[in-house]
Amino acid sequence: MIKRVFLIVLDSVGIGEAPDAAAYGDAGSNTLRTCWESGQLHLPNLQKLGLYNIDGVGCGEPASRPAGAFGRMREASAGKDTTIGHWEIGGIISPRPMPTYPKGFPPEIIDAFEQRTGRRVLCNRPYSGTQVILDYGREQMETGGLIVYTSADSVFQVAAHEQVVPLEELYRDCQIARELLVGEHGVGRVIARPFVGEWPHFQRTANRHDFSLAPPKKTILDALIQAGLDVWGVGKINDIFAGRGISRTVRTQNNDDGMDKTIAWAKEPFHGLCFVNLVDFDMLYGHRNDVAGYTQALNQFDRRLGELLSLLGPQDLLMITADHGCDPGTPSTDHSREYVPWLIYGAAVRPGCNLGTRPTFADMGETAAAALGVRAGCDGTALDGLLLRPGLDFDGRELAYRALEARERAYAPYSRFAVGAALLGKGGKLYAGCNLENASSGVTICAERAALAAAVSDGERSFAALAVAGGPQGQPPQGDCFPCGICRQALSEFCSPKMPVLVVRGEDDWSNYTLEELLPHAFRLQEEPPCV
């Protein structure tokens, strides 16, 4: 059973132009490839999971044996902004784009906003967030007005100096804008953009706050909450979903802080979804066409990813994706219409499985919910039946440890290849075995059959799981060591075809198969023996 799903959105890390990219002015965009072509991209953990194995990714060296499942997703919604992208991951396909304002907001909106806030509006044009405070920041401080600006996204952004407009007032002003911007003017987000400092050295602060439209219908987050599960949001997630379907939330200062929070939560017990947004890729580098900065941010995430991977247990799933592209190497500073990656890793995932191209981001959300035992019934299709192995309802770490421990006692003077096995009886008792070689090779006993013989000699006849660890003697396990054909047949005499078999590489590192996968057509008598 899967207990925890960690779903991380690398904000704007697209992997190549979508088929309709030209209609959005994004032909040729490929955010990941742009960073790779800088020559400075180094993503060993993402590479190991299968990032460069994804169809059409167009860069990097594919892993020879990917540790995760991998694929790409095409956005089915009309648009390429953060809100629509996250909503689609959450199970909502949006057939119409949210409104944008390339000439600024209409007078009826601005007049009503000024009247209700009591402050004059400055700018009201599409603008870069850093440039707008440079150009209007002094006037804002002198007049007490509010800098209102937008972008190619569906956003109404309000900037003010924290010493002139206190944060709580700025947030109230943005809530007023949110109340005004509904119906035909229902922008995806109203964003508070406070800044500090003196001209010309103004700096935006980490006190940004997003006021989003509420999702128009049920999301997988709502379904998980209704099922009594946890939904924890890291970063902008709570804002993007207007607080709906979230049971716990934490704000973040930057990507590193977001990973700090995620890693801290990975050390806590919970049952449900941890939904993470890492925004620096988009906000600091994509929109500013900073290829070097974007590349280094990806490298730093990959380093932090290694810390998270070490904390995942056998009942955890990790999913990594994006919500759109924002290619820093194109002339545009806008988001780009791109495919996004879908990487899935965990003991319950079939490694090396190519998911191909999914027609919507919503397949990811539905799969995450299904892995947690919830049929959300949103716009996506769950891939659990195609992808996920049976969940582990036992302590896989203990089983792996016992196999590794048994391996230390192997007698392998001829092959110098040591194997250990641990077999879990249905009653909870563990039986260990190691390989026992002989000068007459036919007398050699494999670790799996040694464990099986010990169990049967003890009166055990039903088994819950097997772990196998093998590799060159005196060294840690290297690669996967599978049971031989004879052992598979011997196990099939007593074990269910659906019994999990853990192929162990380390105490916290293994792949999970079923006995039936390892031996699809075991030889059996027409009449099963009584012990099966």
Protein backbone atom coordinates (compact mmCIF):
# COMPACT_ATOMS: atom_id res chain seq x y z
CA MET A 1 0.00 0.00 0.00
CA ILE A 2 1.32 3.45 -0.90
CA LYS A 3 1.21 5.76 2.12
CA ARG A 4 2.93 8.91 0.83
CA VAL A 5 3.21 10.60 -2.57
CA PHE A 6 5.67 13.48 -3.05
CA LEU A 7 4.70 15.45 -6.18
CA ILE A 8 7.28 18.12 -7.05
CA VAL A 9 6.60 20.75 -9.72
CA LEU A 10 9.78 22.28 -11.15
CA ASP A 11 8.07 25.50 -12.18
CA SER A 12 8.62 26.08 -15.93
CA VAL A 13 11.06 23.21 -16.63
CA GLY A 14 9.63 22.24 -20.02
CA ILE A 15 11.26 19.62 -22.24
CA GLY A 16 10.41 20.67 -25.79
CA GLU A 17 7.83 22.48 -27.86
CA ALA A 18 4.29 21.11 -27.82
CA PRO A 19 2.58 20.37 -31.16
CA ASP A 20 0.63 23.65 -30.89
CA ALA A 21 3.59 25.73 -29.72
CA ALA A 22 3.59 27.89 -32.86
CA ALA A 23 0.06 29.07 -32.10
CA TYR A 24 1.40 30.46 -28.82
CA GLY A 25 4.49 32.01 -30.42
CA ASP A 26 6.75 29.34 -28.92
CA ALA A 27 8.02 27.33 -31.88
CA GLY A 28 11.46 25.86 -31.13
CA SER A 29 11.26 26.28 -27.35
CA ASN A 30 12.96 23.64 -25.21
CA THR A 31 13.83 24.86 -21.72
CA LEU A 32 15.80 21.80 -20.65
CA ARG A 33 17.81 21.61 -23.88
CA THR A 34 18.74 25.28 -23.63
CA CYS A 35 20.27 24.62 -20.22
CA TRP A 36 21.99 21.46 -21.44
CA GLU A 37 23.54 23.33 -24.38
CA SER A 38 25.19 25.71 -21.91
CA GLY A 39 27.60 22.85 -21.18
CA GLN A 40 27.16 23.34 -17.43
CA LEU A 41 24.13 21.13 -16.73
CA HIS A 42 24.86 18.24 -14.37
CA LEU A 43 21.82 16.23 -13.23
CA PRO A 44 23.02 12.76 -12.15
CA ASN A 45 19.96 12.01 -9.99
CA LEU A 46 17.42 13.10 -12.60
CA GLN A 47 19.40 11.24 -15.23
CA LYS A 48 19.29 8.10 -13.07
CA LEU A 49 15.50 8.39 -12.76
CA GLY A 50 15.16 8.57 -16.56
CA LEU A 51 14.95 12.26 -17.50
CA TYR A 52 17.04 11.87 -20.65
CA ASN A 53 15.21 8.66 -21.61
CA ILE A 54 11.98 10.57 -22.22
CA ASP A 55 10.78 10.51 -25.84
CA GLY A 56 11.76 13.64 -27.75
CA VAL A 57 13.71 15.26 -24.90
CA GLY A 58 16.47 16.12 -27.36
CA CYS A 59 19.43 16.36 -24.98
CA GLY A 60 21.48 14.52 -22.37
CA GLU A 61 22.72 10.96 -22.07
CA PRO A 62 19.95 8.39 -21.44
CA ALA A 63 20.41 6.09 -18.45
CA SER A 64 21.22 2.52 -19.47
CA ARG A 65 18.96 1.21 -16.69
CA PRO A 66 16.63 3.97 -15.47
CA ALA A 67 15.66 3.63 -11.82
CA GLY A 68 12.23 5.16 -12.39
CA ALA A 69 9.41 5.28 -14.88
CA PHE A 70 9.51 8.18 -17.32
CA GLY A 71 7.38 9.95 -19.89
CA ARG A 72 6.17 13.32 -21.02
CA MET A 73 2.81 15.07 -20.80
CA ARG A 74 1.09 17.45 -23.18
CA GLU A 75 -1.10 20.19 -21.77
CA ALA A 76 -4.73 19.70 -22.77
CA SER A 77 -5.87 23.05 -21.34
CA ALA A 78 -5.91 26.29 -23.33
CA GLY A 79 -3.07 28.33 -21.88
CA LYS A 80 0.45 28.09 -20.53
CA ASP A 81 0.34 29.72 -17.13
CA THR A 82 0.99 28.48 -13.61
CA THR A 83 -2.62 28.31 -12.45
CA ILE A 84 -3.97 26.38 -15.43
CA GLY A 85 -0.93 24.06 -15.40
CA HIS A 86 -1.30 23.20 -11.71
CA TRP A 87 -5.06 22.86 -11.99
CA GLU A 88 -4.56 20.36 -14.80
CA ILE A 89 -2.09 18.38 -12.69
CA GLY A 90 -4.81 18.48 -10.04
CA GLY A 91 -7.35 16.99 -12.43
CA ILE A 92 -9.04 19.94 -14.19
CA ILE A 93 -8.69 20.54 -17.93
CA SER A 94 -9.50 24.19 -18.74
CA PRO A 95 -10.98 24.51 -22.26
CA ARG A 96 -10.74 28.31 -22.29
CA PRO A 97 -7.69 30.44 -21.48
CA MET A 98 -7.84 32.90 -18.62
CA PRO A 99 -8.02 36.57 -19.67
CA THR A 100 -4.84 38.54 -20.30
CA TYR A 101 -4.39 42.30 -20.64
CA PRO A 102 -1.63 43.28 -23.07
CA LYS A 103 -2.86 46.91 -22.99
CA GLY A 104 -3.49 47.07 -19.26
CA PHE A 105 -6.70 46.64 -17.28
CA PRO A 106 -9.89 48.46 -18.35
CA PRO A 107 -10.99 51.68 -16.61
CA GLU A 108 -13.93 50.06 -14.84
CA ILE A 109 -11.55 47.73 -13.00
CA ILE A 110 -8.94 50.38 -12.18
CA ASP A 111 -11.53 52.98 -11.09
CA ALA A 112 -13.25 50.50 -8.77
CA PHE A 113 -9.90 49.38 -7.35
CA GLU A 114 -8.82 52.97 -6.62
CA GLN A 115 -12.16 53.79 -5.01
CA ARG A 116 -12.13 50.77 -2.69
CA THR A 117 -8.45 50.95 -1.71
CA GLY A 118 -8.24 54.73 -1.46
CA ARG A 119 -4.93 54.69 -3.33
CA ARG A 120 -4.05 55.85 -6.84
CA VAL A 121 -2.93 53.29 -9.42
CA LEU A 122 0.44 53.71 -11.13
CA CYS A 123 1.61 52.04 -14.38
CA ASN A 124 -1.23 49.62 -15.40
CA ARG A 125 0.78 48.04 -18.21
CA PRO A 126 2.55 44.75 -18.91
CA TYR A 127 5.95 45.04 -17.26
CA SER A 128 8.93 43.15 -15.88
CA GLY A 129 8.59 42.83 -12.11
CA THR A 130 12.09 44.14 -11.41
CA GLN A 131 11.96 46.91 -14.02
CA VAL A 132 8.58 48.20 -12.87
CA ILE A 133 9.81 48.98 -9.35
CA LEU A 134 12.91 50.65 -10.80
CA ASP A 135 10.73 52.85 -13.04
CA TYR A 136 7.83 53.50 -10.64
CA GLY A 137 9.24 52.77 -7.18
CA ARG A 138 10.21 56.36 -6.29
CA GLU A 139 6.82 57.68 -7.38
CA GLN A 140 5.12 54.96 -5.36
CA MET A 141 7.03 55.97 -2.23
CA GLU A 142 6.34 59.69 -2.79
CA THR A 143 2.62 59.36 -3.58
CA GLY A 144 1.60 56.23 -1.67
CA GLY A 145 0.04 54.84 -4.81
CA LEU A 146 -0.06 51.19 -5.84
CA ILE A 147 1.94 49.92 -8.81
CA VAL A 148 -0.40 47.73 -10.85
CA TYR A 149 1.06 45.73 -13.70
CA THR A 150 0.53 42.51 -15.60
CA SER A 151 2.42 40.20 -17.96
CA ALA A 152 1.66 37.75 -20.72
CA ASP A 153 0.10 35.61 -17.98
CA SER A 154 -3.35 36.04 -16.52
CA VAL A 155 -2.19 38.09 -13.52
CA PHE A 156 -2.99 41.35 -11.74
CA GLN A 157 0.14 42.27 -9.79
CA VAL A 158 0.32 44.94 -7.11
CA ALA A 159 3.70 46.28 -5.96
CA ALA A 160 4.31 48.62 -3.03
CA HIS A 161 7.17 49.49 -0.70
CA GLU A 162 6.75 47.77 2.66
CA GLN A 163 7.49 51.03 4.54
CA VAL A 164 4.79 52.89 2.62
CA VAL A 165 2.07 50.25 2.40
CA PRO A 166 2.27 47.74 5.28
CA LEU A 167 2.06 44.11 4.25
CA GLU A 168 -1.34 43.49 5.80
CA GLU A 169 -2.79 46.48 3.95
CA LEU A 170 -1.20 45.35 0.68
CA TYR A 171 -2.75 41.92 1.17
CA ARG A 172 -6.16 43.51 1.85
CA ASP A 173 -5.81 45.58 -1.31
CA CYS A 174 -5.06 42.43 -3.29
CA GLN A 175 -8.09 40.73 -1.77
CA ILE A 176 -10.17 43.67 -2.99
CA ALA A 177 -8.73 43.18 -6.49
CA ARG A 178 -9.55 39.49 -6.26
CA GLU A 179 -13.18 40.33 -5.47
CA LEU A 180 -13.34 42.67 -8.48
CA LEU A 181 -11.65 40.34 -10.95
CA VAL A 182 -14.34 37.75 -11.55
CA GLY A 183 -16.46 36.67 -14.51
CA GLU A 184 -15.04 37.92 -17.79
CA HIS A 185 -12.18 39.56 -15.88
CA GLY A 186 -11.45 36.49 -13.77
CA VAL A 187 -7.64 36.49 -13.98
CA GLY A 188 -5.86 33.45 -12.66
CA ARG A 189 -3.98 35.24 -9.90
CA VAL A 190 -3.77 38.53 -8.07
CA ILE A 191 -0.23 38.78 -6.72
CA ALA A 192 1.08 41.00 -3.92
CA ARG A 193 4.64 42.08 -4.81
CA PRO A 194 6.15 43.99 -1.87
CA PHE A 195 9.61 45.52 -2.17
CA VAL A 196 12.15 47.29 0.05
CA GLY A 197 15.26 49.45 -0.26
CA GLU A 198 16.08 52.80 -1.82
CA TRP A 199 16.05 53.81 -5.49
CA PRO A 200 17.71 52.57 -7.66
CA HIS A 201 18.46 49.54 -5.48
CA PHE A 202 14.94 48.33 -4.75
CA GLN A 203 14.55 44.61 -4.08
CA ARG A 204 11.45 42.45 -4.08
CA THR A 205 10.97 40.55 -0.83
CA ALA A 206 9.91 36.99 -0.09
CA ASN A 207 6.56 38.27 1.24
CA ARG A 208 4.86 37.70 -2.09
CA HIS A 209 1.34 36.37 -1.74
CA ASP A 210 -0.93 34.97 -4.47
CA PHE A 211 -4.71 35.27 -4.46
CA SER A 212 -5.99 32.72 -6.94
CA LEU A 213 -9.36 31.90 -8.39
CA ALA A 214 -10.91 28.91 -6.72
CA PRO A 215 -10.80 25.84 -8.99
CA PRO A 216 -14.11 25.59 -10.90
CA LYS A 217 -14.72 21.96 -9.94
CA LYS A 218 -13.40 19.10 -7.83
CA THR A 219 -9.68 18.37 -7.87
CA ILE A 220 -7.73 15.35 -6.70
CA LEU A 221 -6.83 17.44 -3.64
CA ASP A 222 -10.51 17.68 -2.72
CA ALA A 223 -10.95 13.94 -3.29
CA LEU A 224 -8.01 13.08 -1.02
CA ILE A 225 -9.29 15.35 1.75
CA GLN A 226 -12.77 13.83 1.45
CA ALA A 227 -11.17 10.40 1.82
CA GLY A 228 -9.59 11.49 5.10
CA LEU A 229 -6.01 11.70 3.76
CA ASP A 230 -3.44 14.44 4.26
CA VAL A 231 -2.69 17.02 1.57
CA TRP A 232 0.35 19.10 2.43
CA GLY A 233 1.35 22.05 0.22
CA VAL A 234 4.86 23.48 -0.04
CA GLY A 235 5.36 26.90 -1.61
CA LYS A 236 2.65 28.38 -3.86
CA ILE A 237 0.39 25.31 -3.84
CA ASN A 238 -2.00 26.69 -1.23
CA ASP A 239 -2.30 29.96 -3.15
CA ILE A 240 -2.78 28.32 -6.54
CA PHE A 241 -5.70 26.23 -5.27
CA ALA A 242 -7.12 29.12 -3.21
CA GLY A 243 -6.58 27.10 -0.04
CA ARG A 244 -9.01 24.41 -1.12
CA GLY A 245 -8.12 20.76 -0.62
CA ILE A 246 -5.09 21.62 1.56
CA SER A 247 -4.76 20.35 5.12
CA ARG A 248 -1.32 21.83 5.89
CA THR A 249 0.73 24.49 4.14
CA VAL A 250 4.09 26.20 4.43
CA ARG A 251 5.52 29.17 2.54
CA THR A 252 9.01 29.13 1.10
CA GLN A 253 11.70 31.75 0.48
CA ASN A 254 13.33 30.08 -2.52
CA ASN A 255 14.01 26.66 -4.07
CA ASP A 256 16.48 25.61 -1.38
CA ASP A 257 14.04 26.56 1.33
CA GLY A 258 11.35 24.62 -0.52
CA MET A 259 13.55 21.52 -0.53
CA ASP A 260 14.41 22.10 3.15
CA LYS A 261 10.69 22.09 3.97
CA THR A 262 10.03 19.04 1.77
CA ILE A 263 12.91 17.08 3.28
CA ALA A 264 11.76 18.00 6.80
CA TRP A 265 8.24 16.79 6.01
CA ALA A 266 9.64 13.59 4.50
CA LYS A 267 10.93 12.80 7.98
CA GLU A 268 7.41 13.08 9.41
CA PRO A 269 4.76 10.36 9.26
CA PHE A 270 1.71 11.23 7.17
CA HIS A 271 -0.70 9.47 4.84
CA GLY A 272 -1.45 11.31 1.63
CA LEU A 273 0.06 13.82 -0.78
CA CYS A 274 2.91 16.31 -0.33
CA PHE A 275 2.50 18.75 -3.26
CA VAL A 276 5.54 21.00 -3.85
CA ASN A 277 6.15 24.00 -6.12
CA LEU A 278 9.69 25.28 -6.70
CA VAL A 279 9.28 28.67 -8.35
CA ASP A 280 12.82 30.04 -8.74
CA PHE A 281 13.36 28.42 -12.15
CA ASP A 282 10.51 30.49 -13.57
CA MET A 283 10.53 33.65 -11.48
CA LEU A 284 14.26 34.32 -11.19
CA TYR A 285 15.70 32.81 -14.36
CA GLY A 286 13.18 31.92 -17.06
CA HIS A 287 11.46 35.31 -17.21
CA ARG A 288 14.84 37.05 -17.12
CA ASN A 289 16.40 34.91 -19.88
CA ASP A 290 19.17 33.91 -17.48
CA VAL A 291 20.45 30.63 -18.93
CA ALA A 292 23.38 30.33 -16.52
CA GLY A 293 21.19 30.98 -13.49
CA TYR A 294 18.53 28.54 -14.67
CA THR A 295 21.16 25.86 -15.27
CA GLN A 296 22.73 26.27 -11.84
CA ALA A 297 19.30 26.19 -10.19
CA LEU A 298 18.64 22.83 -11.86
CA ASN A 299 22.02 21.53 -10.72
CA GLN A 300 21.28 22.62 -7.16
CA PHE A 301 17.86 20.95 -7.21
CA ASP A 302 19.46 17.72 -8.39
CA ARG A 303 21.86 17.82 -5.44
CA ARG A 304 18.98 18.34 -3.01
CA LEU A 305 16.98 15.61 -4.76
CA GLY A 306 19.65 13.14 -3.66
CA GLU A 307 18.86 14.03 -0.03
CA LEU A 308 15.15 13.41 -0.56
CA LEU A 309 15.70 10.09 -2.36
CA SER A 310 17.58 8.75 0.65
CA LEU A 311 14.52 9.35 2.85
CA LEU A 312 11.97 7.51 0.71
CA GLY A 313 10.64 4.28 2.14
CA PRO A 314 9.01 1.29 0.45
CA GLN A 315 5.53 2.85 0.77
CA ASP A 316 6.53 6.17 -0.80
CA LEU A 317 6.22 7.46 -4.36
CA LEU A 318 8.06 10.42 -5.86
CA MET A 319 6.71 12.23 -8.93
CA ILE A 320 8.59 15.08 -10.64
CA THR A 321 7.08 17.30 -13.33
CA ALA A 322 6.59 20.91 -14.47
CA ASP A 323 3.60 23.15 -15.21
CA HIS A 324 4.78 24.77 -18.49
CA GLY A 325 8.04 25.93 -20.05
CA CYS A 326 9.93 29.24 -19.86
CA ASP A 327 12.87 28.84 -22.22
CA PRO A 328 15.56 31.31 -21.12
CA GLY A 329 17.33 31.02 -24.47
CA THR A 330 14.58 32.46 -26.67
CA PRO A 331 13.93 36.20 -27.21
CA SER A 332 10.62 35.90 -25.35
CA THR A 333 10.53 36.38 -21.58
CA ASP A 334 7.11 34.74 -21.41
CA HIS A 335 6.16 31.16 -20.55
CA SER A 336 6.50 28.69 -23.42
CA ARG A 337 4.04 26.02 -24.56
CA GLU A 338 6.06 22.84 -24.00
CA TYR A 339 5.77 19.22 -23.01
CA VAL A 340 6.62 18.61 -19.37
CA PRO A 341 8.46 15.62 -17.85
CA TRP A 342 6.84 12.94 -15.72
CA LEU A 343 9.27 10.94 -13.61
CA ILE A 344 8.01 8.37 -11.08
CA TYR A 345 10.24 6.63 -8.57
CA GLY A 346 9.63 4.27 -5.67
CA ALA A 347 9.81 0.67 -4.57
CA ALA A 348 6.36 0.10 -6.08
CA VAL A 349 7.34 1.41 -9.53
CA ARG A 350 8.48 -0.74 -12.42
CA PRO A 351 11.92 0.72 -13.24
CA GLY A 352 12.61 1.60 -16.85
CA CYS A 353 8.92 1.80 -17.79
CA ASN A 354 8.41 4.25 -20.68
CA LEU A 355 5.07 6.02 -20.23
CA GLY A 356 5.35 7.57 -23.69
CA THR A 357 3.37 10.76 -24.26
CA ARG A 358 0.32 11.36 -22.08
CA PRO A 359 -2.44 13.55 -23.54
CA THR A 360 -2.95 15.59 -20.36
CA PHE A 361 -1.22 16.59 -17.13
CA ALA A 362 -4.32 15.29 -15.35
CA ASP A 363 -3.12 11.69 -15.78
CA MET A 364 -0.45 12.43 -13.19
CA GLY A 365 -2.88 13.65 -10.55
CA GLU A 366 -5.28 10.79 -11.09
CA THR A 367 -2.40 8.30 -10.85
CA ALA A 368 -1.18 9.87 -7.60
CA ALA A 369 -4.67 9.65 -6.10
CA ALA A 370 -5.14 6.06 -7.27
CA ALA A 371 -1.80 5.06 -5.76
CA LEU A 372 -3.18 6.29 -2.43
CA GLY A 373 -6.31 4.22 -2.92
CA VAL A 374 -8.61 7.08 -4.02
CA ARG A 375 -10.52 7.18 -7.31
CA ALA A 376 -10.83 10.93 -7.73
CA GLY A 377 -12.94 10.84 -10.90
CA CYS A 378 -11.37 14.02 -12.32
CA ASP A 379 -10.31 14.65 -15.93
CA GLY A 380 -7.28 12.33 -16.03
CA THR A 381 -6.70 8.59 -16.40
CA ALA A 382 -4.85 6.71 -13.67
CA LEU A 383 -1.94 4.54 -14.81
CA ASP A 384 -1.75 2.47 -11.64
CA GLY A 385 -2.79 -0.76 -13.31
CA LEU A 386 -0.12 -0.33 -15.97
CA LEU A 387 2.62 0.97 -13.75
CA LEU A 388 2.44 0.34 -10.05
CA ARG A 389 3.41 -2.92 -8.41
CA PRO A 390 1.55 -4.24 -5.40
CA GLY A 391 2.17 -2.05 -2.36
CA LEU A 392 4.26 -3.40 0.47
CA ASP A 393 2.35 -4.08 3.69
CA PHE A 394 5.48 -5.17 5.56
CA ASP A 395 8.78 -3.58 6.60
CA GLY A 396 10.74 -3.80 3.36
CA ARG A 397 13.74 -2.09 4.95
CA GLU A 398 14.07 -4.83 7.57
CA LEU A 399 13.73 -7.52 4.91
CA ALA A 400 16.41 -5.83 2.78
CA TYR A 401 18.71 -5.52 5.78
CA ARG A 402 18.37 -9.21 6.62
CA ALA A 403 19.23 -10.18 3.03
CA LEU A 404 22.30 -7.94 3.11
CA GLU A 405 23.29 -9.36 6.48
CA ALA A 406 22.94 -12.97 5.21
CA ARG A 407 25.09 -12.06 2.21
CA GLU A 408 28.01 -11.35 4.55
CA ARG A 409 27.98 -15.04 5.55
CA ALA A 410 28.03 -16.42 1.99
CA TYR A 411 30.48 -19.20 1.13
CA ALA A 412 31.54 -18.39 -2.41
CA PRO A 413 35.26 -19.24 -2.86
CA TYR A 414 34.84 -20.17 -6.55
CA SER A 415 32.62 -17.50 -8.09
CA ARG A 416 33.50 -14.81 -5.53
CA PHE A 417 29.88 -13.70 -5.97
CA ALA A 418 28.07 -13.47 -2.62
CA VAL A 419 24.28 -13.67 -2.37
CA GLY A 420 21.97 -13.30 0.64
CA ALA A 421 18.22 -13.89 0.84
CA ALA A 422 15.54 -13.19 3.43
CA LEU A 423 12.15 -14.90 3.23
CA LEU A 424 9.19 -13.55 5.22
CA GLY A 425 6.64 -16.09 6.44
CA LYS A 426 2.97 -15.16 6.52
CA GLY A 427 3.16 -15.35 10.31
CA GLY A 428 5.83 -12.63 10.39
CA LYS A 429 8.92 -14.78 10.98
CA LEU A 430 12.03 -14.12 8.87
CA TYR A 431 14.27 -16.84 7.45
CA ALA A 432 17.70 -15.98 6.03
CA GLY A 433 19.94 -17.90 3.66
CA CYS A 434 23.20 -17.42 1.77
CA ASN A 435 24.76 -19.18 -1.20
CA LEU A 436 26.85 -22.26 -0.37
CA GLU A 437 29.23 -23.21 -3.18
CA ASN A 438 31.00 -26.54 -3.69
CA ALA A 439 33.92 -27.79 -5.76
CA SER A 440 31.32 -29.90 -7.53
CA SER A 441 29.26 -27.05 -8.92
CA GLY A 442 26.06 -29.08 -9.10
CA VAL A 443 26.05 -29.37 -5.30
CA THR A 444 25.95 -25.58 -4.87
CA ILE A 445 22.92 -24.23 -3.00
CA CYS A 446 21.54 -20.80 -3.85
CA ALA A 447 20.69 -18.30 -1.10
CA GLU A 448 16.99 -18.30 -1.97
CA ARG A 449 16.66 -22.09 -1.66
CA ALA A 450 18.72 -22.06 1.53
CA ALA A 451 16.22 -19.62 3.07
CA LEU A 452 13.31 -21.64 1.72
CA ALA A 453 14.72 -24.88 3.16
CA ALA A 454 15.20 -23.26 6.57
CA ALA A 455 11.61 -22.03 6.54
CA VAL A 456 10.06 -25.31 5.43
CA SER A 457 12.17 -27.18 8.01
CA ASP A 458 10.66 -24.88 10.63
CA GLY A 459 7.15 -25.84 9.51
CA GLU A 460 6.44 -22.67 7.47
CA ARG A 461 4.32 -23.22 4.37
CA SER A 462 3.08 -19.75 3.37
CA PHE A 463 5.19 -16.71 2.54
CA ALA A 464 4.64 -12.96 2.24
CA ALA A 465 7.82 -11.68 0.57
CA LEU A 466 11.41 -12.40 -0.45
CA ALA A 467 14.46 -10.11 -0.59
CA VAL A 468 17.63 -10.98 -2.54
CA ALA A 469 20.96 -9.12 -2.48
CA GLY A 470 24.02 -10.13 -4.48
CA GLY A 471 27.29 -8.89 -5.90
CA PRO A 472 31.07 -9.37 -5.91
CA GLN A 473 32.31 -10.66 -2.57
CA GLY A 474 33.72 -8.00 -0.25
CA GLN A 475 31.96 -5.17 -2.12
CA PRO A 476 28.51 -3.56 -1.80
CA PRO A 477 25.86 -4.99 -4.17
CA GLN A 478 26.38 -3.75 -7.70
CA GLY A 479 23.34 -3.73 -9.94
CA ASP A 480 20.40 -6.12 -9.59
CA CYS A 481 20.79 -9.78 -8.59
CA PHE A 482 17.72 -11.82 -9.56
CA PRO A 483 16.88 -15.36 -8.39
CA CYS A 484 17.98 -18.04 -10.86
CA GLY A 485 15.44 -20.11 -12.75
CA ILE A 486 15.69 -23.09 -10.40
CA CYS A 487 15.04 -20.86 -7.37
CA ARG A 488 12.08 -19.23 -9.08
CA GLN A 489 10.54 -22.63 -9.72
CA ALA A 490 11.31 -23.79 -6.16
CA LEU A 491 9.64 -20.68 -4.72
CA SER A 492 6.57 -21.16 -6.92
CA GLU A 493 5.89 -24.44 -5.08
CA PHE A 494 5.04 -22.52 -1.89
CA CYS A 495 4.56 -18.85 -2.80
CA SER A 496 1.74 -16.90 -4.40
CA PRO A 497 2.41 -15.62 -7.94
CA LYS A 498 1.72 -12.13 -6.56
CA MET A 499 4.29 -12.40 -3.77
CA PRO A 500 6.66 -9.38 -3.80
CA VAL A 501 10.32 -10.09 -4.56
CA LEU A 502 12.69 -7.27 -3.55
CA VAL A 503 15.89 -7.12 -5.58
CA VAL A 504 18.13 -5.26 -3.15
CA ARG A 505 20.96 -2.85 -3.90
CA GLY A 506 21.11 -1.31 -0.43
CA GLU A 507 19.18 -1.07 2.82
CA ASP A 508 17.02 1.72 1.36
CA ASP A 509 17.43 0.87 -2.31
CA TRP A 510 15.62 -1.93 -4.10
CA SER A 511 13.26 -2.75 -6.94
CA ASN A 512 10.01 -4.56 -6.30
CA TYR A 513 8.78 -7.36 -8.57
CA THR A 514 6.25 -10.13 -8.21
CA LEU A 515 7.16 -13.80 -8.43
CA GLU A 516 4.84 -14.07 -11.41
CA GLU A 517 6.81 -11.38 -13.24
CA LEU A 518 10.03 -13.29 -12.67
CA LEU A 519 8.49 -16.63 -13.71
CA PRO A 520 5.34 -15.96 -15.79
CA HIS A 521 4.48 -19.62 -16.44
CA ALA A 522 5.68 -21.66 -13.48
CA PHE A 523 5.40 -25.43 -13.82
CA ARG A 524 2.58 -26.67 -11.60
CA LEU A 525 0.74 -29.95 -11.18
CA GLN A 526 -2.84 -29.83 -12.39
CA GLU A 527 -3.89 -30.45 -8.81
CA GLU A 528 -2.16 -28.05 -6.46
CA PRO A 529 -0.45 -29.57 -3.40
CA PRO A 530 -2.17 -28.81 -0.08
CA CYS A 531 0.51 -26.37 1.11
CA VAL A 532 -0.05 -23.84 -1.72
